[in-house]
C-alpha atoms as a PDB file:
ATOM      1  CA  MET A   1       0.282  30.596  41.272  1.00  0.00           C
ATOM      2  CA  LYS A   2       1.268  31.795  37.576  1.00  0.00           C
ATOM      3  CA  THR A   3       3.598  28.716  37.251  1.00  0.00           C
ATOM      4  CA  LYS A   4       0.878  26.199  38.304  1.00  0.00           C
ATOM      5  CA  LYS A   5      -1.630  28.032  35.932  1.00  0.00           C
ATOM      6  CA  TYR A   6       1.026  27.886  33.112  1.00  0.00           C
ATOM      7  CA  PHE A   7       1.492  24.144  33.669  1.00  0.00           C
ATOM      8  CA  ILE A   8      -1.993  23.387  33.411  1.00  0.00           C
ATOM      9  CA  ILE A   9      -2.706  25.567  30.196  1.00  0.00           C
ATOM     10  CA  SER A  10       0.436  23.866  28.690  1.00  0.00           C
ATOM     11  CA  ILE A  11      -0.838  20.276  29.336  1.00  0.00           C
ATOM     12  CA  LEU A  12      -4.319  21.167  27.930  1.00  0.00           C
ATOM     13  CA  ILE A  13      -2.680  22.759  24.670  1.00  0.00           C
ATOM     14  CA  LEU A  14      -0.510  19.688  24.155  1.00  0.00           C
ATOM     15  CA  ILE A  15      -3.233  17.203  24.771  1.00  0.00           C
ATOM     16  CA  THR A  16      -5.226  19.148  21.980  1.00  0.00           C
ATOM     17  CA  ASN A  17      -2.595  19.162  19.482  1.00  0.00           C
ATOM     18  CA  PHE A  18      -0.932  15.772  19.971  1.00  0.00           C
ATOM     19  CA  GLY A  19      -3.496  13.522  21.467  1.00  0.00           C
ATOM     20  CA  PHE A  20      -4.681  12.568  18.037  1.00  0.00           C
ATOM     21  CA  GLY A  21      -2.551   9.594  17.111  1.00  0.00           C
ATOM     22  CA  GLN A  22      -0.581   9.030  20.110  1.00  0.00           C
ATOM     23  CA  ASP A  23      -1.228   7.215  23.480  1.00  0.00           C
ATOM     24  CA  SER A  24       1.009   9.088  25.958  1.00  0.00           C
ATOM     25  CA  LEU A  25       2.306  12.554  26.931  1.00  0.00           C
ATOM     26  CA  SER A  26       5.339  13.236  28.676  1.00  0.00           C
ATOM     27  CA  PHE A  27       6.253  16.563  30.749  1.00  0.00           C
ATOM     28  CA  ASN A  28       9.477  17.283  32.492  1.00  0.00           C
ATOM     29  CA  LYS A  29      10.866  20.382  33.829  1.00  0.00           C
ATOM     30  CA  ASN A  30      13.356  22.122  31.467  1.00  0.00           C
ATOM     31  CA  ASN A  31      11.205  24.828  29.065  1.00  0.00           C
ATOM     32  CA  SER A  32      11.585  22.942  25.838  1.00  0.00           C
ATOM     33  CA  VAL A  33       9.453  20.546  23.813  1.00  0.00           C
ATOM     34  CA  ARG A  34      10.600  17.482  21.939  1.00  0.00           C
ATOM     35  CA  ILE A  35       8.918  14.466  20.129  1.00  0.00           C
ATOM     36  CA  LYS A  36      10.300  11.018  20.869  1.00  0.00           C
ATOM     37  CA  ASN A  37       8.561   8.012  19.593  1.00  0.00           C
ATOM     38  CA  ASP A  38       4.886   8.609  20.525  1.00  0.00           C
ATOM     39  CA  SER A  39       5.367  10.952  23.401  1.00  0.00           C
ATOM     40  CA  VAL A  40       5.580  14.671  23.911  1.00  0.00           C
ATOM     41  CA  VAL A  41       8.041  15.951  26.337  1.00  0.00           C
ATOM     42  CA  LEU A  42       7.708  19.580  27.977  1.00  0.00           C
ATOM     43  CA  ASN A  43      10.488  20.730  30.275  1.00  0.00           C
ATOM     44  CA  LEU A  44       9.156  23.288  32.532  1.00  0.00           C
ATOM     45  CA  SER A  45      12.143  23.789  35.246  1.00  0.00           C
ATOM     46  CA  GLU A  46      15.468  22.495  36.034  1.00  0.00           C
ATOM     47  CA  ASN A  47      14.259  19.601  37.898  1.00  0.00           C
ATOM     48  CA  ASP A  48      14.830  16.177  36.138  1.00  0.00           C
ATOM     49  CA  THR A  49      11.369  14.799  36.794  1.00  0.00           C
ATOM     50  CA  THR A  50       9.392  13.607  33.853  1.00  0.00           C
ATOM     51  CA  TYR A  51       5.466  13.248  34.145  1.00  0.00           C
ATOM     52  CA  ILE A  52       4.071  10.896  31.754  1.00  0.00           C
ATOM     53  CA  PHE A  53       0.486  11.134  31.015  1.00  0.00           C
ATOM     54  CA  LYS A  54      -0.763   7.830  29.616  1.00  0.00           C
ATOM     55  CA  ASN A  55      -4.387   6.994  28.224  1.00  0.00           C
ATOM     56  CA  THR A  56      -5.011   3.417  29.280  1.00  0.00           C
ATOM     57  CA  TYR A  57      -8.257   2.995  27.715  1.00  0.00           C
ATOM     58  CA  LYS A  58      -8.133   0.108  25.232  1.00  0.00           C
ATOM     59  CA  LEU A  59     -10.553  -0.558  22.521  1.00  0.00           C
ATOM     60  CA  ASN A  60     -11.708  -4.051  22.118  1.00  0.00           C
ATOM     61  CA  GLN A  61     -12.361  -5.540  18.610  1.00  0.00           C
ATOM     62  CA  THR A  62     -16.260  -4.978  18.993  1.00  0.00           C
ATOM     63  CA  GLU A  63     -15.665  -1.324  19.506  1.00  0.00           C
ATOM     64  CA  LYS A  64     -13.274  -1.224  16.594  1.00  0.00           C
ATOM     65  CA  ASN A  65     -15.761  -3.031  14.341  1.00  0.00           C
ATOM     66  CA  ILE A  66     -18.398  -0.270  15.391  1.00  0.00           C
ATOM     67  CA  ILE A  67     -16.119   2.370  14.288  1.00  0.00           C
ATOM     68  CA  LEU A  68     -15.305   0.654  10.909  1.00  0.00           C
ATOM     69  CA  ASP A  69     -19.067   0.055  10.337  1.00  0.00           C
ATOM     70  CA  SER A  70     -19.845   3.638  10.869  1.00  0.00           C
ATOM     71  CA  ILE A  71     -17.156   4.628   8.317  1.00  0.00           C
ATOM     72  CA  SER A  72     -18.223   2.072   5.769  1.00  0.00           C
ATOM     73  CA  LYS A  73     -21.597   3.936   5.806  1.00  0.00           C
ATOM     74  CA  THR A  74     -20.338   7.547   5.156  1.00  0.00           C
ATOM     75  CA  LYS A  75     -20.980   9.273   1.980  1.00  0.00           C
ATOM     76  CA  LYS A  76     -17.140   9.072   1.201  1.00  0.00           C
ATOM     77  CA  SER A  77     -17.143   5.364   1.511  1.00  0.00           C
ATOM     78  CA  LYS A  78     -20.421   5.103  -0.781  1.00  0.00           C
ATOM     79  CA  GLU A  79     -18.812   7.299  -3.305  1.00  0.00           C
ATOM     80  CA  LEU A  80     -15.491   5.374  -3.555  1.00  0.00           C
ATOM     81  CA  LEU A  81     -17.420   1.907  -3.574  1.00  0.00           C
ATOM     82  CA  LYS A  82     -19.706   3.250  -6.285  1.00  0.00           C
ATOM     83  CA  ASN A  83     -16.706   3.896  -8.442  1.00  0.00           C
ATOM     84  CA  TYR A  84     -14.387   1.191  -7.588  1.00  0.00           C
ATOM     85  CA  LYS A  85     -14.869  -0.569 -11.052  1.00  0.00           C
ATOM     86  CA  THR A  86     -13.855   2.578 -13.108  1.00  0.00           C
ATOM     87  CA  GLU A  87     -11.585   4.374 -10.723  1.00  0.00           C
ATOM     88  CA  ASN A  88      -8.630   3.235  -8.471  1.00  0.00           C
ATOM     89  CA  GLU A  89      -9.128   5.912  -5.957  1.00  0.00           C
ATOM     90  CA  ILE A  90     -10.130   3.598  -3.296  1.00  0.00           C
ATOM     91  CA  VAL A  91      -6.868   1.585  -3.222  1.00  0.00           C
ATOM     92  CA  LYS A  92      -4.736   4.564  -2.553  1.00  0.00           C
ATOM     93  CA  ASP A  93      -3.214   5.073   0.738  1.00  0.00           C
ATOM     94  CA  LYS A  94      -5.119   8.227   1.516  1.00  0.00           C
ATOM     95  CA  ASN A  95      -8.209   6.118   1.439  1.00  0.00           C
ATOM     96  CA  LEU A  96      -6.990   3.047   3.403  1.00  0.00           C
ATOM     97  CA  ILE A  97      -9.343   3.295   6.336  1.00  0.00           C
ATOM     98  CA  PHE A  98     -12.371   3.376   3.741  1.00  0.00           C
ATOM     99  CA  LEU A  99     -11.190   0.389   2.055  1.00  0.00           C
ATOM    100  CA  ILE A 100     -10.638  -1.337   5.326  1.00  0.00           C
ATOM    101  CA  SER A 101     -13.982  -0.415   6.660  1.00  0.00           C
ATOM    102  CA  LEU A 102     -15.640  -2.028   3.457  1.00  0.00           C
ATOM    103  CA  LEU A 103     -13.658  -5.046   3.515  1.00  0.00           C
ATOM    104  CA  ASN A 104     -14.765  -5.352   7.184  1.00  0.00           C
ATOM    105  CA  SER A 105     -18.363  -4.529   6.553  1.00  0.00           C
ATOM    106  CA  ARG A 106     -20.898  -7.405   6.696  1.00  0.00           C
ATOM    107  CA  SER A 107     -23.217  -5.552   4.237  1.00  0.00           C
ATOM    108  CA  ILE A 108     -20.903  -5.901   1.454  1.00  0.00           C
ATOM    109  CA  GLU A 109     -21.017  -8.748  -0.854  1.00  0.00           C
ATOM    110  CA  ASP A 110     -18.290 -11.444  -0.985  1.00  0.00           C
ATOM    111  CA  LYS A 111     -17.665 -10.842  -4.717  1.00  0.00           C
ATOM    112  CA  VAL A 112     -17.250  -7.036  -4.137  1.00  0.00           C
ATOM    113  CA  LYS A 113     -14.940  -7.526  -1.278  1.00  0.00           C
ATOM    114  CA  ARG A 114     -12.678  -9.995  -3.247  1.00  0.00           C
ATOM    115  CA  THR A 115     -12.480  -7.783  -6.100  1.00  0.00           C
ATOM    116  CA  LEU A 116     -11.350  -4.765  -3.644  1.00  0.00           C
ATOM    117  CA  LEU A 117      -8.779  -6.854  -1.976  1.00  0.00           C
ATOM    118  CA  GLN A 118      -7.359  -8.014  -5.331  1.00  0.00           C
ATOM    119  CA  ASN A 119      -7.238  -4.550  -6.714  1.00  0.00           C
ATOM    120  CA  LYS A 120      -5.449  -3.295  -3.604  1.00  0.00           C
ATOM    121  CA  ILE A 121      -2.777  -6.072  -3.820  1.00  0.00           C
ATOM    122  CA  ASP A 122      -2.224  -5.435  -7.552  1.00  0.00           C
ATOM    123  CA  TYR A 123      -2.021  -1.724  -6.882  1.00  0.00           C
ATOM    124  CA  ASP A 124       0.504  -1.989  -4.052  1.00  0.00           C
ATOM    125  CA  LYS A 125       2.640  -4.549  -6.220  1.00  0.00           C
ATOM    126  CA  LYS A 126       2.860  -2.019  -9.008  1.00  0.00           C
ATOM    127  CA  ASN A 127       3.375   1.209  -7.010  1.00  0.00           C
ATOM    128  CA  LYS A 128       4.849   0.494  -3.791  1.00  0.00           C
ATOM    129  CA  LEU A 129       8.437   0.852  -4.899  1.00  0.00           C
ATOM    130  CA  LYS A 130       9.732   2.189  -1.530  1.00  0.00           C
ATOM    131  CA  LYS A 131       9.004   1.498   2.034  1.00  0.00           C
ATOM    132  CA  SER A 132       8.783   4.866   3.797  1.00  0.00           C
ATOM    133  CA  SER A 133       5.850   6.187   5.393  1.00  0.00           C
ATOM    134  CA  GLU A 134       4.168   9.659   4.294  1.00  0.00           C
ATOM    135  CA  PHE A 135       2.791  10.133   7.903  1.00  0.00           C
ATOM    136  CA  GLY A 136       3.814   9.597  11.556  1.00  0.00           C
ATOM    137  CA  PHE A 137       6.856  10.515  13.528  1.00  0.00           C
ATOM    138  CA  ARG A 138       8.537   7.090  13.673  1.00  0.00           C
ATOM    139  CA  ASP A 139      11.320   8.051  11.278  1.00  0.00           C
ATOM    140  CA  PHE A 140      12.550  10.793  13.463  1.00  0.00           C
ATOM    141  CA  PRO A 141      16.215  10.120  14.347  1.00  0.00           C
ATOM    142  CA  ASN A 142      16.780   8.926  17.862  1.00  0.00           C
ATOM    143  CA  SER A 143      20.171  10.621  18.129  1.00  0.00           C
ATOM    144  CA  SER A 144      18.567  14.137  18.421  1.00  0.00           C
ATOM    145  CA  TYR A 145      16.665  13.072  21.445  1.00  0.00           C
ATOM    146  CA  GLN A 146      19.128  11.379  23.757  1.00  0.00           C
ATOM    147  CA  ILE A 147      19.009  12.100  27.367  1.00  0.00           C
ATOM    148  CA  ASP A 148      20.568  10.940  30.646  1.00  0.00           C
ATOM    149  CA  GLU A 149      18.329   8.263  31.642  1.00  0.00           C
ATOM    150  CA  ASN A 150      19.959   7.824  35.038  1.00  0.00           C
ATOM    151  CA  LYS A 151      19.106  11.196  36.260  1.00  0.00           C
ATOM    152  CA  ILE A 152      15.260  11.304  35.366  1.00  0.00           C
ATOM    153  CA  LEU A 153      12.617  10.377  37.769  1.00  0.00           C
ATOM    154  CA  ARG A 154       9.532   9.328  36.073  1.00  0.00           C
ATOM    155  CA  ILE A 155       6.019   9.749  37.490  1.00  0.00           C
ATOM    156  CA  THR A 156       3.115   8.095  35.477  1.00  0.00           C
ATOM    157  CA  LYS A 157      -0.284   9.592  35.490  1.00  0.00           C
ATOM    158  CA  LYS A 158      -2.924   7.339  33.982  1.00  0.00           C
ATOM    159  CA  TYR A 159      -6.178   8.555  32.564  1.00  0.00           C
ATOM    160  CA  TYR A 160      -9.057   6.782  30.587  1.00  0.00           C
ATOM    161  CA  SER A 161     -10.341   8.484  27.423  1.00  0.00           C
ATOM    162  CA  LYS A 162     -12.323   6.490  25.078  1.00  0.00           C
ATOM    163  CA  VAL A 163     -12.590   9.596  22.610  1.00  0.00           C
ATOM    164  CA  GLU A 164      -8.837   9.629  22.440  1.00  0.00           C
ATOM    165  CA  ALA A 165      -8.589   5.885  21.887  1.00  0.00           C
ATOM    166  CA  LYS A 166     -10.959   6.146  19.022  1.00  0.00           C
ATOM    167  CA  ASN A 167      -8.848   8.956  17.581  1.00  0.00           C
ATOM    168  CA  ASN A 168      -5.755   7.009  17.924  1.00  0.00           C
ATOM    169  CA  PHE A 169      -7.277   4.009  16.226  1.00  0.00           C
ATOM    170  CA  ILE A 170      -8.453   6.106  13.161  1.00  0.00           C
ATOM    171  CA  SER A 171      -5.263   7.768  12.831  1.00  0.00           C
ATOM    172  CA  SER A 172      -3.068   4.597  13.097  1.00  0.00           C
ATOM    173  CA  PHE A 173      -4.219   3.758   9.566  1.00  0.00           C
ATOM    174  CA  TYR A 174      -2.356   6.807   8.394  1.00  0.00           C
ATOM    175  CA  ASN A 175       0.663   6.105  10.373  1.00  0.00           C
ATOM    176  CA  ARG A 176       1.460   2.815   8.773  1.00  0.00           C
ATOM    177  CA  ASP A 177       3.315   2.086   5.454  1.00  0.00           C
ATOM    178  CA  LEU A 178       1.450  -1.134   4.447  1.00  0.00           C
ATOM    179  CA  ASN A 179       1.909  -2.919   1.334  1.00  0.00           C
ATOM    180  CA  PHE A 180      -0.829  -5.534   0.540  1.00  0.00           C
ATOM    181  CA  SER A 181       1.258  -7.322  -2.024  1.00  0.00           C
ATOM    182  CA  GLN A 182       3.726  -8.343   0.636  1.00  0.00           C
ATOM    183  CA  ALA A 183       1.518  -8.418   3.643  1.00  0.00           C
ATOM    184  CA  LEU A 184       0.517 -11.579   5.632  1.00  0.00           C
ATOM    185  CA  PHE A 185      -3.075 -12.719   5.831  1.00  0.00           C
ATOM    186  CA  ILE A 186      -4.139 -15.068   8.714  1.00  0.00           C
ATOM    187  CA  ILE A 187      -7.105 -17.208   7.525  1.00  0.00           C
ATOM    188  CA  ASN A 188      -8.392 -20.068   9.797  1.00  0.00           C
ATOM    189  CA  GLY A 189      -4.924 -20.160  11.433  1.00  0.00           C
ATOM    190  CA  ASN A 190      -3.109 -20.416   8.131  1.00  0.00           C
ATOM    191  CA  VAL A 191      -0.414 -17.705   7.351  1.00  0.00           C
ATOM    192  CA  LYS A 192      -0.696 -16.709   3.630  1.00  0.00           C
ATOM    193  CA  MET A 193       0.606 -14.170   1.210  1.00  0.00           C
ATOM    194  CA  SER A 194      -0.480 -13.036  -2.279  1.00  0.00           C
ATOM    195  CA  SER A 195       2.827 -13.970  -3.734  1.00  0.00           C
ATOM    196  CA  LEU A 196       5.436 -16.036  -2.190  1.00  0.00           C
ATOM    197  CA  SER A 197       9.001 -14.880  -2.358  1.00  0.00           C
ATOM    198  CA  SER A 198      12.135 -16.987  -2.578  1.00  0.00           C
ATOM    199  CA  LYS A 199      13.102 -15.997   1.048  1.00  0.00           C
ATOM    200  CA  LYS A 200      11.073 -17.711   3.638  1.00  0.00           C
ATOM    201  CA  ASN A 201      11.262 -17.793   7.440  1.00  0.00           C
ATOM    202  CA  ARG A 202      12.252 -21.351   8.678  1.00  0.00           C
ATOM    203  CA  ASN A 203       9.796 -21.155  11.676  1.00  0.00           C
ATOM    204  CA  LEU A 204       6.894 -19.792   9.525  1.00  0.00           C
ATOM    205  CA  LYS A 205       4.990 -21.847   6.910  1.00  0.00           C
ATOM    206  CA  ILE A 206       3.483 -19.499   4.376  1.00  0.00           C
ATOM    207  CA  LYS A 207       0.776 -20.472   1.853  1.00  0.00           C
ATOM    208  CA  LYS A 208      -0.444 -18.995  -1.356  1.00  0.00           C
ATOM    209  CA  LEU A 209      -3.315 -16.652  -0.849  1.00  0.00           C
ATOM    210  CA  LYS A 210      -6.260 -17.649  -3.129  1.00  0.00           C
ATOM    211  CA  ILE A 211      -8.716 -14.841  -3.196  1.00  0.00           C
ATOM    212  CA  ASN A 212     -11.347 -16.237  -5.691  1.00  0.00           C
ATOM    213  CA  ARG A 213     -12.844 -18.376  -3.033  1.00  0.00           C
ATOM    214  CA  LEU A 214     -12.649 -16.126   0.127  1.00  0.00           C
ATOM    215  CA  LYS A 215     -15.789 -15.276   1.897  1.00  0.00           C
ATOM    216  CA  ILE A 216     -14.707 -12.229   4.062  1.00  0.00           C
ATOM    217  CA  ASN A 217     -16.763 -11.764   7.112  1.00  0.00           C
ATOM    218  CA  ARG A 218     -14.499  -9.448   8.981  1.00  0.00           C
ATOM    219  CA  PHE A 219     -11.150  -7.896   7.749  1.00  0.00           C
ATOM    220  CA  ILE A 220      -8.799  -7.013  10.722  1.00  0.00           C
ATOM    221  CA  LEU A 221      -5.607  -5.189  10.720  1.00  0.00           C
ATOM    222  CA  LEU A 222      -3.292  -6.128  13.596  1.00  0.00           C
ATOM    223  CA  ASP A 223      -1.677  -3.086  15.092  1.00  0.00           C
ATOM    224  CA  GLN A 224       2.182  -2.675  14.281  1.00  0.00           C
ATOM    225  CA  LEU A 225       3.534  -3.796  17.525  1.00  0.00           C
ATOM    226  CA  SER A 226       1.424  -7.012  17.606  1.00  0.00           C
ATOM    227  CA  GLY A 227       2.268  -7.941  13.932  1.00  0.00           C
ATOM    228  CA  THR A 228       6.052  -7.464  14.200  1.00  0.00           C
ATOM    229  CA  ALA A 229       6.091  -9.167  17.624  1.00  0.00           C
ATOM    230  CA  ILE A 230       4.579 -12.169  16.256  1.00  0.00           C
ATOM    231  CA  PHE A 231       5.914 -12.305  12.829  1.00  0.00           C
ATOM    232  CA  SER A 232       9.087 -10.313  13.127  1.00  0.00           C
ATOM    233  CA  GLU A 233      10.441  -8.988   9.759  1.00  0.00           C
ATOM    234  CA  ASN A 234       7.635 -10.991   7.855  1.00  0.00           C
ATOM    235  CA  GLY A 235       5.133  -8.782   9.511  1.00  0.00           C
ATOM    236  CA  LYS A 236       6.672  -5.367   8.561  1.00  0.00           C
ATOM    237  CA  ASN A 237       4.239  -4.761   5.627  1.00  0.00           C
ATOM    238  CA  GLY A 238       1.084  -5.555   7.602  1.00  0.00           C
ATOM    239  CA  VAL A 239      -0.764  -8.487   9.073  1.00  0.00           C
ATOM    240  CA  PHE A 240      -4.482  -9.008   8.288  1.00  0.00           C
ATOM    241  CA  VAL A 241      -6.694 -11.441   9.983  1.00  0.00           C
ATOM    242  CA  ILE A 242      -9.534 -12.425   7.849  1.00  0.00           C
ATOM    243  CA  LYS A 243     -12.546 -14.170   9.486  1.00  0.00           C
ATOM    244  CA  GLU A 244     -14.619 -15.984   6.849  1.00  0.00           C
ATOM    245  CA  THR A 245     -18.409 -16.457   6.903  1.00  0.00           C
ATOM    246  CA  GLU A 246     -19.360 -19.678   8.316  1.00  0.00           C
ATOM    247  CA  LYS A 247     -20.702 -22.095   5.937  1.00  0.00           C
END
């Protein structure tokens, strides 16, 4: 009875501590905790059974837009927007989600959006000298967590949590190392960059991004897996889909 109670309490504690920013929790029976990729593994006994608790709720784009629209109306967003001409706080990585929310907002003028985007590109071009992330767990060495995969029985337990999915979406903006000056922008099916490098993918035709005529209706950041899956190495610095206002 005590073992069962300890197991339930352990699950609740780990979900509380690690649910923000991750989409699965794993528990197996060996009395230790380790982080591997985006999962937490708790070993509780000598049995080689791993229980994977996975949140299968996926936000659609409308739900993501609602979250970003609410963030764009916060006091913090309004303060950053008010001072964007005299300060560069809004283009710093710590304020990325506020910048994205303003670029994605339909209540911000096109001229302001274009200026914000250009300022962010200029800032990243000047300051992004290294390609390592300040946040997240993706740089953990894999060698520290190697296990005998053949001896593990995995049992997946699915659950649905919209709240956790929202938290994961928000935290994803801080788990990325984005560089707007080298990112890809998808506009009307065309792939564009702010500056074209000499190295080009033979299978990917990239055009020059011209911001001065953009009419940004929605500004969508693709998740990391989708960006790299579609554009491979070209998408490692970020892939944005810009939906323009219909003329």
